[in-house]
Amino acid sequence: TYSGNLWTSYQLPNQLIIGGGSQY
């Protein structure tokens, strides 16, 4: 009946990218 997802990522000044998210 309900489902969804959320994802986000961020690039730091040293070009390192970290990200995470969830699925429901």
mmCIF file of all heavy atoms, coordinates in Angstrom:
data_MODEL
# 
_entry.id   MODEL 
# 
loop_
_atom_site.group_PDB 
_atom_site.id 
_atom_site.type_symbol 
_atom_site.label_atom_id 
_atom_site.label_alt_id 
_atom_site.label_comp_id 
_atom_site.label_asym_id 
_atom_site.label_entity_id 
_atom_site.label_seq_id 
_atom_site.pdbx_PDB_ins_code 
_atom_site.Cartn_x 
_atom_site.Cartn_y 
_atom_site.Cartn_z 
_atom_site.occupancy 
_atom_site.B_iso_or_equiv 
_atom_site.pdbx_formal_charge 
_atom_site.auth_seq_id 
_atom_site.auth_comp_id 
_atom_site.auth_asym_id 
_atom_site.auth_atom_id 
_atom_site.pdbx_PDB_model_num 
ATOM 1   N N   . THR A 1 1  ? 0.831  -1.196 0.000  1.00 0.00 ? 1  THR A N   1 
ATOM 2   C CA  . THR A 1 1  ? 0.000  0.000  0.000  1.00 0.00 ? 1  THR A CA  1 
ATOM 3   C C   . THR A 1 1  ? 0.869  1.252  0.000  1.00 0.00 ? 1  THR A C   1 
ATOM 4   O O   . THR A 1 1  ? 0.610  2.212  -0.738 1.00 0.00 ? 1  THR A O   1 
ATOM 5   C CB  . THR A 1 1  ? -0.927 0.003  1.223  1.00 0.00 ? 1  THR A CB  1 
ATOM 6   O OG1 . THR A 1 1  ? -1.716 -1.197 1.222  1.00 0.00 ? 1  THR A OG1 1 
ATOM 7   C CG2 . THR A 1 1  ? -1.870 1.199  1.188  1.00 0.00 ? 1  THR A CG2 1 
ATOM 8   N N   . TYR A 1 2  ? 1.936  1.229  0.802  1.00 0.00 ? 2  TYR A N   1 
ATOM 9   C CA  . TYR A 1 2  ? 2.847  2.366  0.877  1.00 0.00 ? 2  TYR A CA  1 
ATOM 10  C C   . TYR A 1 2  ? 4.271  1.903  0.585  1.00 0.00 ? 2  TYR A C   1 
ATOM 11  O O   . TYR A 1 2  ? 4.694  0.834  1.044  1.00 0.00 ? 2  TYR A O   1 
ATOM 12  C CB  . TYR A 1 2  ? 2.816  3.019  2.268  1.00 0.00 ? 2  TYR A CB  1 
ATOM 13  C CG  . TYR A 1 2  ? 1.457  3.500  2.690  1.00 0.00 ? 2  TYR A CG  1 
ATOM 14  C CD1 . TYR A 1 2  ? 0.662  2.737  3.545  1.00 0.00 ? 2  TYR A CD1 1 
ATOM 15  C CD2 . TYR A 1 2  ? 0.951  4.719  2.239  1.00 0.00 ? 2  TYR A CD2 1 
ATOM 16  C CE1 . TYR A 1 2  ? -0.595 3.175  3.945  1.00 0.00 ? 2  TYR A CE1 1 
ATOM 17  C CE2 . TYR A 1 2  ? -0.300 5.164  2.628  1.00 0.00 ? 2  TYR A CE2 1 
ATOM 18  C CZ  . TYR A 1 2  ? -1.069 4.391  3.486  1.00 0.00 ? 2  TYR A CZ  1 
ATOM 19  O OH  . TYR A 1 2  ? -2.307 4.823  3.856  1.00 0.00 ? 2  TYR A OH  1 
ATOM 20  N N   . SER A 1 3  ? 5.007  2.700  -0.145 1.00 0.00 ? 3  SER A N   1 
ATOM 21  C CA  . SER A 1 3  ? 6.422  2.419  -0.386 1.00 0.00 ? 3  SER A CA  1 
ATOM 22  C C   . SER A 1 3  ? 7.114  3.720  -0.761 1.00 0.00 ? 3  SER A C   1 
ATOM 23  O O   . SER A 1 3  ? 6.473  4.691  -1.176 1.00 0.00 ? 3  SER A O   1 
ATOM 24  C CB  . SER A 1 3  ? 6.609  1.373  -1.496 1.00 0.00 ? 3  SER A CB  1 
ATOM 25  O OG  . SER A 1 3  ? 6.109  1.853  -2.731 1.00 0.00 ? 3  SER A OG  1 
ATOM 26  N N   . GLY A 1 4  ? 8.428  3.737  -0.596 1.00 0.00 ? 4  GLY A N   1 
ATOM 27  C CA  . GLY A 1 4  ? 9.156  4.946  -0.929 1.00 0.00 ? 4  GLY A CA  1 
ATOM 28  C C   . GLY A 1 4  ? 10.647 4.758  -0.792 1.00 0.00 ? 4  GLY A C   1 
ATOM 29  O O   . GLY A 1 4  ? 11.125 3.721  -0.314 1.00 0.00 ? 4  GLY A O   1 
ATOM 30  N N   . ASN A 1 5  ? 11.396 5.748  -1.221 1.00 0.00 ? 5  ASN A N   1 
ATOM 31  C CA  . ASN A 1 5  ? 12.844 5.710  -1.068 1.00 0.00 ? 5  ASN A CA  1 
ATOM 32  C C   . ASN A 1 5  ? 13.374 7.129  -0.993 1.00 0.00 ? 5  ASN A C   1 
ATOM 33  O O   . ASN A 1 5  ? 12.762 8.078  -1.491 1.00 0.00 ? 5  ASN A O   1 
ATOM 34  C CB  . ASN A 1 5  ? 13.507 4.936  -2.217 1.00 0.00 ? 5  ASN A CB  1 
ATOM 35  C CG  . ASN A 1 5  ? 13.354 5.645  -3.541 1.00 0.00 ? 5  ASN A CG  1 
ATOM 36  O OD1 . ASN A 1 5  ? 14.092 6.582  -3.851 1.00 0.00 ? 5  ASN A OD1 1 
ATOM 37  N ND2 . ASN A 1 5  ? 12.382 5.219  -4.342 1.00 0.00 ? 5  ASN A ND2 1 
ATOM 38  N N   . LEU A 1 6  ? 14.525 7.265  -0.338 1.00 0.00 ? 6  LEU A N   1 
ATOM 39  C CA  . LEU A 1 6  ? 15.182 8.546  -0.206 1.00 0.00 ? 6  LEU A CA  1 
ATOM 40  C C   . LEU A 1 6  ? 16.680 8.330  -0.294 1.00 0.00 ? 6  LEU A C   1 
ATOM 41  O O   . LEU A 1 6  ? 17.237 7.427  0.352  1.00 0.00 ? 6  LEU A O   1 
ATOM 42  C CB  . LEU A 1 6  ? 14.835 9.202  1.134  1.00 0.00 ? 6  LEU A CB  1 
ATOM 43  C CG  . LEU A 1 6  ? 15.498 10.558 1.419  1.00 0.00 ? 6  LEU A CG  1 
ATOM 44  C CD1 . LEU A 1 6  ? 15.022 11.608 0.420  1.00 0.00 ? 6  LEU A CD1 1 
ATOM 45  C CD2 . LEU A 1 6  ? 15.210 11.010 2.842  1.00 0.00 ? 6  LEU A CD2 1 
ATOM 46  N N   . TRP A 1 7  ? 17.351 9.127  -1.129 1.00 0.00 ? 7  TRP A N   1 
ATOM 47  C CA  . TRP A 1 7  ? 18.798 9.010  -1.306 1.00 0.00 ? 7  TRP A CA  1 
ATOM 48  C C   . TRP A 1 7  ? 19.411 10.402 -1.328 1.00 0.00 ? 7  TRP A C   1 
ATOM 49  O O   . TRP A 1 7  ? 18.851 11.329 -1.935 1.00 0.00 ? 7  TRP A O   1 
ATOM 50  C CB  . TRP A 1 7  ? 19.137 8.293  -2.609 1.00 0.00 ? 7  TRP A CB  1 
ATOM 51  C CG  . TRP A 1 7  ? 20.610 8.239  -2.882 1.00 0.00 ? 7  TRP A CG  1 
ATOM 52  C CD1 . TRP A 1 7  ? 21.347 9.113  -3.643 1.00 0.00 ? 7  TRP A CD1 1 
ATOM 53  C CD2 . TRP A 1 7  ? 21.526 7.290  -2.363 1.00 0.00 ? 7  TRP A CD2 1 
ATOM 54  N NE1 . TRP A 1 7  ? 22.665 8.757  -3.630 1.00 0.00 ? 7  TRP A NE1 1 
ATOM 55  C CE2 . TRP A 1 7  ? 22.810 7.635  -2.849 1.00 0.00 ? 7  TRP A CE2 1 
ATOM 56  C CE3 . TRP A 1 7  ? 21.401 6.187  -1.534 1.00 0.00 ? 7  TRP A CE3 1 
ATOM 57  C CZ2 . TRP A 1 7  ? 23.951 6.919  -2.534 1.00 0.00 ? 7  TRP A CZ2 1 
ATOM 58  C CZ3 . TRP A 1 7  ? 22.525 5.461  -1.216 1.00 0.00 ? 7  TRP A CZ3 1 
ATOM 59  C CH2 . TRP A 1 7  ? 23.784 5.822  -1.724 1.00 0.00 ? 7  TRP A CH2 1 
ATOM 60  N N   . THR A 1 8  ? 20.546 10.562 -0.652 1.00 0.00 ? 8  THR A N   1 
ATOM 61  C CA  . THR A 1 8  ? 21.246 11.839 -0.670 1.00 0.00 ? 8  THR A CA  1 
ATOM 62  C C   . THR A 1 8  ? 22.749 11.604 -0.685 1.00 0.00 ? 8  THR A C   1 
ATOM 63  O O   . THR A 1 8  ? 23.239 10.608 -0.139 1.00 0.00 ? 8  THR A O   1 
ATOM 64  C CB  . THR A 1 8  ? 20.868 12.704 0.549  1.00 0.00 ? 8  THR A CB  1 
ATOM 65  O OG1 . THR A 1 8  ? 21.526 13.980 0.461  1.00 0.00 ? 8  THR A OG1 1 
ATOM 66  C CG2 . THR A 1 8  ? 21.271 12.030 1.859  1.00 0.00 ? 8  THR A CG2 1 
ATOM 67  N N   . SER A 1 9  ? 23.465 12.473 -1.349 1.00 0.00 ? 9  SER A N   1 
ATOM 68  C CA  . SER A 1 9  ? 24.924 12.397 -1.375 1.00 0.00 ? 9  SER A CA  1 
ATOM 69  C C   . SER A 1 9  ? 25.493 13.811 -1.322 1.00 0.00 ? 9  SER A C   1 
ATOM 70  O O   . SER A 1 9  ? 24.857 14.768 -1.781 1.00 0.00 ? 9  SER A O   1 
ATOM 71  C CB  . SER A 1 9  ? 25.422 11.666 -2.626 1.00 0.00 ? 9  SER A CB  1 
ATOM 72  O OG  . SER A 1 9  ? 25.081 12.388 -3.797 1.00 0.00 ? 9  SER A OG  1 
ATOM 73  N N   . TYR A 1 10 ? 26.697 13.909 -0.765 1.00 0.00 ? 10 TYR A N   1 
ATOM 74  C CA  . TYR A 1 10 ? 27.321 15.213 -0.592 1.00 0.00 ? 10 TYR A CA  1 
ATOM 75  C C   . TYR A 1 10 ? 28.798 15.117 -0.953 1.00 0.00 ? 10 TYR A C   1 
ATOM 76  O O   . TYR A 1 10 ? 29.487 14.168 -0.555 1.00 0.00 ? 10 TYR A O   1 
ATOM 77  C CB  . TYR A 1 10 ? 27.171 15.692 0.849  1.00 0.00 ? 10 TYR A CB  1 
ATOM 78  C CG  . TYR A 1 10 ? 27.621 17.118 1.055  1.00 0.00 ? 10 TYR A CG  1 
ATOM 79  C CD1 . TYR A 1 10 ? 26.776 18.183 0.757  1.00 0.00 ? 10 TYR A CD1 1 
ATOM 80  C CD2 . TYR A 1 10 ? 28.897 17.403 1.541  1.00 0.00 ? 10 TYR A CD2 1 
ATOM 81  C CE1 . TYR A 1 10 ? 27.189 19.497 0.936  1.00 0.00 ? 10 TYR A CE1 1 
ATOM 82  C CE2 . TYR A 1 10 ? 29.317 18.717 1.717  1.00 0.00 ? 10 TYR A CE2 1 
ATOM 83  C CZ  . TYR A 1 10 ? 28.463 19.760 1.410  1.00 0.00 ? 10 TYR A CZ  1 
ATOM 84  O OH  . TYR A 1 10 ? 28.880 21.057 1.571  1.00 0.00 ? 10 TYR A OH  1 
ATOM 85  N N   . GLN A 1 11 ? 29.280 16.090 -1.710 1.00 0.00 ? 11 GLN A N   1 
ATOM 86  C CA  . GLN A 1 11 ? 30.688 16.136 -2.095 1.00 0.00 ? 11 GLN A CA  1 
ATOM 87  C C   . GLN A 1 11 ? 31.425 17.125 -1.206 1.00 0.00 ? 11 GLN A C   1 
ATOM 88  O O   . GLN A 1 11 ? 31.127 18.322 -1.181 1.00 0.00 ? 11 GLN A O   1 
ATOM 89  C CB  . GLN A 1 11 ? 30.833 16.536 -3.565 1.00 0.00 ? 11 GLN A CB  1 
ATOM 90  C CG  . GLN A 1 11 ? 32.277 16.572 -4.040 1.00 0.00 ? 11 GLN A CG  1 
ATOM 91  C CD  . GLN A 1 11 ? 32.385 16.781 -5.538 1.00 0.00 ? 11 GLN A CD  1 
ATOM 92  O OE1 . GLN A 1 11 ? 32.074 15.894 -6.321 1.00 0.00 ? 11 GLN A OE1 1 
ATOM 93  N NE2 . GLN A 1 11 ? 32.829 17.968 -5.937 1.00 0.00 ? 11 GLN A NE2 1 
ATOM 94  N N   . LEU A 1 12 ? 32.421 16.605 -0.468 1.00 0.00 ? 12 LEU A N   1 
ATOM 95  C CA  . LEU A 1 12 ? 33.206 17.426 0.439  1.00 0.00 ? 12 LEU A CA  1 
ATOM 96  C C   . LEU A 1 12 ? 34.228 18.261 -0.331 1.00 0.00 ? 12 LEU A C   1 
ATOM 97  O O   . LEU A 1 12 ? 34.498 18.000 -1.512 1.00 0.00 ? 12 LEU A O   1 
ATOM 98  C CB  . LEU A 1 12 ? 33.912 16.525 1.455  1.00 0.00 ? 12 LEU A CB  1 
ATOM 99  C CG  . LEU A 1 12 ? 32.981 15.669 2.333  1.00 0.00 ? 12 LEU A CG  1 
ATOM 100 C CD1 . LEU A 1 12 ? 33.801 14.692 3.161  1.00 0.00 ? 12 LEU A CD1 1 
ATOM 101 C CD2 . LEU A 1 12 ? 32.123 16.551 3.222  1.00 0.00 ? 12 LEU A CD2 1 
ATOM 102 N N   . PRO A 1 13 ? 34.823 19.262 0.325  1.00 0.00 ? 13 PRO A N   1 
ATOM 103 C CA  . PRO A 1 13 ? 35.806 20.108 -0.382 1.00 0.00 ? 13 PRO A CA  1 
ATOM 104 C C   . PRO A 1 13 ? 36.990 19.336 -0.953 1.00 0.00 ? 13 PRO A C   1 
ATOM 105 O O   . PRO A 1 13 ? 37.581 19.762 -1.947 1.00 0.00 ? 13 PRO A O   1 
ATOM 106 C CB  . PRO A 1 13 ? 36.247 21.078 0.721  1.00 0.00 ? 13 PRO A CB  1 
ATOM 107 C CG  . PRO A 1 13 ? 35.076 21.168 1.638  1.00 0.00 ? 13 PRO A CG  1 
ATOM 108 C CD  . PRO A 1 13 ? 34.480 19.802 1.652  1.00 0.00 ? 13 PRO A CD  1 
ATOM 109 N N   . ASN A 1 14 ? 37.320 18.191 -0.337 1.00 0.00 ? 14 ASN A N   1 
ATOM 110 C CA  . ASN A 1 14 ? 38.443 17.388 -0.861 1.00 0.00 ? 14 ASN A CA  1 
ATOM 111 C C   . ASN A 1 14 ? 38.004 16.426 -1.964 1.00 0.00 ? 14 ASN A C   1 
ATOM 112 O O   . ASN A 1 14 ? 38.722 15.491 -2.301 1.00 0.00 ? 14 ASN A O   1 
ATOM 113 C CB  . ASN A 1 14 ? 39.120 16.635 0.268  1.00 0.00 ? 14 ASN A CB  1 
ATOM 114 C CG  . ASN A 1 14 ? 38.187 15.618 0.925  1.00 0.00 ? 14 ASN A CG  1 
ATOM 115 O OD1 . ASN A 1 14 ? 37.004 15.541 0.573  1.00 0.00 ? 14 ASN A OD1 1 
ATOM 116 N ND2 . ASN A 1 14 ? 38.696 14.868 1.873  1.00 0.00 ? 14 ASN A ND2 1 
ATOM 117 N N   . GLN A 1 15 ? 36.796 16.611 -2.509 1.00 0.00 ? 15 GLN A N   1 
ATOM 118 C CA  . GLN A 1 15 ? 36.226 15.823 -3.608 1.00 0.00 ? 15 GLN A CA  1 
ATOM 119 C C   . GLN A 1 15 ? 35.692 14.459 -3.179 1.00 0.00 ? 15 GLN A C   1 
ATOM 120 O O   . GLN A 1 15 ? 35.177 13.710 -4.003 1.00 0.00 ? 15 GLN A O   1 
ATOM 121 C CB  . GLN A 1 15 ? 37.252 15.617 -4.748 1.00 0.00 ? 15 GLN A CB  1 
ATOM 122 C CG  . GLN A 1 15 ? 37.804 16.906 -5.330 1.00 0.00 ? 15 GLN A CG  1 
ATOM 123 C CD  . GLN A 1 15 ? 36.713 17.792 -5.904 1.00 0.00 ? 15 GLN A CD  1 
ATOM 124 O OE1 . GLN A 1 15 ? 35.911 17.344 -6.716 1.00 0.00 ? 15 GLN A OE1 1 
ATOM 125 N NE2 . GLN A 1 15 ? 36.660 19.047 -5.468 1.00 0.00 ? 15 GLN A NE2 1 
ATOM 126 N N   . LEU A 1 16 ? 35.829 14.122 -1.895 1.00 0.00 ? 16 LEU A N   1 
ATOM 127 C CA  . LEU A 1 16 ? 35.260 12.873 -1.397 1.00 0.00 ? 16 LEU A CA  1 
ATOM 128 C C   . LEU A 1 16 ? 33.739 12.980 -1.376 1.00 0.00 ? 16 LEU A C   1 
ATOM 129 O O   . LEU A 1 16 ? 33.177 13.979 -0.900 1.00 0.00 ? 16 LEU A O   1 
ATOM 130 C CB  . LEU A 1 16 ? 35.774 12.575 0.012  1.00 0.00 ? 16 LEU A CB  1 
ATOM 131 C CG  . LEU A 1 16 ? 35.231 11.293 0.670  1.00 0.00 ? 16 LEU A CG  1 
ATOM 132 C CD1 . LEU A 1 16 ? 35.795 10.065 -0.028 1.00 0.00 ? 16 LEU A CD1 1 
ATOM 133 C CD2 . LEU A 1 16 ? 35.566 11.276 2.158  1.00 0.00 ? 16 LEU A CD2 1 
ATOM 134 N N   . ILE A 1 17 ? 33.056 11.963 -1.906 1.00 0.00 ? 17 ILE A N   1 
ATOM 135 C CA  . ILE A 1 17 ? 31.592 11.930 -1.934 1.00 0.00 ? 17 ILE A CA  1 
ATOM 136 C C   . ILE A 1 17 ? 31.108 10.879 -0.945 1.00 0.00 ? 17 ILE A C   1 
ATOM 137 O O   . ILE A 1 17 ? 31.553 9.724  -0.974 1.00 0.00 ? 17 ILE A O   1 
ATOM 138 C CB  . ILE A 1 17 ? 31.067 11.599 -3.340 1.00 0.00 ? 17 ILE A CB  1 
ATOM 139 C CG1 . ILE A 1 17 ? 31.476 12.684 -4.327 1.00 0.00 ? 17 ILE A CG1 1 
ATOM 140 C CG2 . ILE A 1 17 ? 29.537 11.455 -3.321 1.00 0.00 ? 17 ILE A CG2 1 
ATOM 141 C CD1 . ILE A 1 17 ? 31.080 12.380 -5.770 1.00 0.00 ? 17 ILE A CD1 1 
ATOM 142 N N   . ILE A 1 18 ? 30.221 11.283 -0.048 1.00 0.00 ? 18 ILE A N   1 
ATOM 143 C CA  . ILE A 1 18 ? 29.587 10.347 0.867  1.00 0.00 ? 18 ILE A CA  1 
ATOM 144 C C   . ILE A 1 18 ? 28.086 10.404 0.635  1.00 0.00 ? 18 ILE A C   1 
ATOM 145 O O   . ILE A 1 18 ? 27.531 11.458 0.313  1.00 0.00 ? 18 ILE A O   1 
ATOM 146 C CB  . ILE A 1 18 ? 29.924 10.660 2.334  1.00 0.00 ? 18 ILE A CB  1 
ATOM 147 C CG1 . ILE A 1 18 ? 29.507 12.093 2.680  1.00 0.00 ? 18 ILE A CG1 1 
ATOM 148 C CG2 . ILE A 1 18 ? 31.407 10.444 2.611  1.00 0.00 ? 18 ILE A CG2 1 
ATOM 149 C CD1 . ILE A 1 18 ? 29.674 12.431 4.153  1.00 0.00 ? 18 ILE A CD1 1 
ATOM 150 N N   . GLY A 1 19 ? 27.450 9.261  0.750  1.00 0.00 ? 19 GLY A N   1 
ATOM 151 C CA  . GLY A 1 19 ? 26.015 9.218  0.495  1.00 0.00 ? 19 GLY A CA  1 
ATOM 152 C C   . GLY A 1 19 ? 25.338 8.103  1.241  1.00 0.00 ? 19 GLY A C   1 
ATOM 153 O O   . GLY A 1 19 ? 25.977 7.166  1.742  1.00 0.00 ? 19 GLY A O   1 
ATOM 154 N N   . GLY A 1 20 ? 24.047 8.198  1.329  1.00 0.00 ? 20 GLY A N   1 
ATOM 155 C CA  . GLY A 1 20 ? 23.270 7.156  1.999  1.00 0.00 ? 20 GLY A CA  1 
ATOM 156 C C   . GLY A 1 20 ? 21.798 7.326  1.699  1.00 0.00 ? 20 GLY A C   1 
ATOM 157 O O   . GLY A 1 20 ? 21.354 8.390  1.233  1.00 0.00 ? 20 GLY A O   1 
ATOM 158 N N   . GLY A 1 21 ? 21.058 6.273  1.939  1.00 0.00 ? 21 GLY A N   1 
ATOM 159 C CA  . GLY A 1 21 ? 19.629 6.343  1.673  1.00 0.00 ? 21 GLY A CA  1 
ATOM 160 C C   . GLY A 1 21 ? 18.890 5.160  2.239  1.00 0.00 ? 21 GLY A C   1 
ATOM 161 O O   . GLY A 1 21 ? 19.494 4.229  2.791  1.00 0.00 ? 21 GLY A O   1 
ATOM 162 N N   . SER A 1 22 ? 17.595 5.204  2.103  1.00 0.00 ? 22 SER A N   1 
ATOM 163 C CA  . SER A 1 22 ? 16.749 4.140  2.629  1.00 0.00 ? 22 SER A CA  1 
ATOM 164 C C   . SER A 1 22 ? 15.648 3.809  1.642  1.00 0.00 ? 22 SER A C   1 
ATOM 165 O O   . SER A 1 22 ? 15.261 4.629  0.809  1.00 0.00 ? 22 SER A O   1 
ATOM 166 C CB  . SER A 1 22 ? 16.126 4.559  3.970  1.00 0.00 ? 22 SER A CB  1 
ATOM 167 O OG  . SER A 1 22 ? 15.306 5.705  3.784  1.00 0.00 ? 22 SER A OG  1 
ATOM 168 N N   . GLN A 1 23 ? 15.164 2.581  1.731  1.00 0.00 ? 23 GLN A N   1 
ATOM 169 C CA  . GLN A 1 23 ? 14.019 2.107  0.950  1.00 0.00 ? 23 GLN A CA  1 
ATOM 170 C C   . GLN A 1 23 ? 12.995 1.543  1.926  1.00 0.00 ? 23 GLN A C   1 
ATOM 171 O O   . GLN A 1 23 ? 13.353 0.792  2.840  1.00 0.00 ? 23 GLN A O   1 
ATOM 172 C CB  . GLN A 1 23 ? 14.440 1.010  -0.031 1.00 0.00 ? 23 GLN A CB  1 
ATOM 173 C CG  . GLN A 1 23 ? 15.463 1.441  -1.057 1.00 0.00 ? 23 GLN A CG  1 
ATOM 174 C CD  . GLN A 1 23 ? 16.040 0.237  -1.781 1.00 0.00 ? 23 GLN A CD  1 
ATOM 175 O OE1 . GLN A 1 23 ? 17.168 -0.170 -1.523 1.00 0.00 ? 23 GLN A OE1 1 
ATOM 176 N NE2 . GLN A 1 23 ? 15.271 -0.352 -2.681 1.00 0.00 ? 23 GLN A NE2 1 
ATOM 177 N N   . TYR A 1 24 ? 11.741 1.897  1.710  1.00 0.00 ? 24 TYR A N   1 
ATOM 178 C CA  . TYR A 1 24 ? 10.671 1.422  2.602  1.00 0.00 ? 24 TYR A CA  1 
ATOM 179 C C   . TYR A 1 24 ? 9.652  0.631  1.811  1.00 0.00 ? 24 TYR A C   1 
ATOM 180 O O   . TYR A 1 24 ? 9.178  1.080  0.760  1.00 0.00 ? 24 TYR A O   1 
ATOM 181 C CB  . TYR A 1 24 ? 9.980  2.598  3.299  1.00 0.00 ? 24 TYR A CB  1 
ATOM 182 C CG  . TYR A 1 24 ? 8.785  2.179  4.127  1.00 0.00 ? 24 TYR A CG  1 
ATOM 183 C CD1 . TYR A 1 24 ? 8.957  1.421  5.283  1.00 0.00 ? 24 TYR A CD1 1 
ATOM 184 C CD2 . TYR A 1 24 ? 7.499  2.515  3.736  1.00 0.00 ? 24 TYR A CD2 1 
ATOM 185 C CE1 . TYR A 1 24 ? 7.861  1.026  6.040  1.00 0.00 ? 24 TYR A CE1 1 
ATOM 186 C CE2 . TYR A 1 24 ? 6.394  2.132  4.487  1.00 0.00 ? 24 TYR A CE2 1 
ATOM 187 C CZ  . TYR A 1 24 ? 6.582  1.389  5.638  1.00 0.00 ? 24 TYR A CZ  1 
ATOM 188 O OH  . TYR A 1 24 ? 5.494  0.991  6.374  1.00 0.00 ? 24 TYR A OH  1 
# 
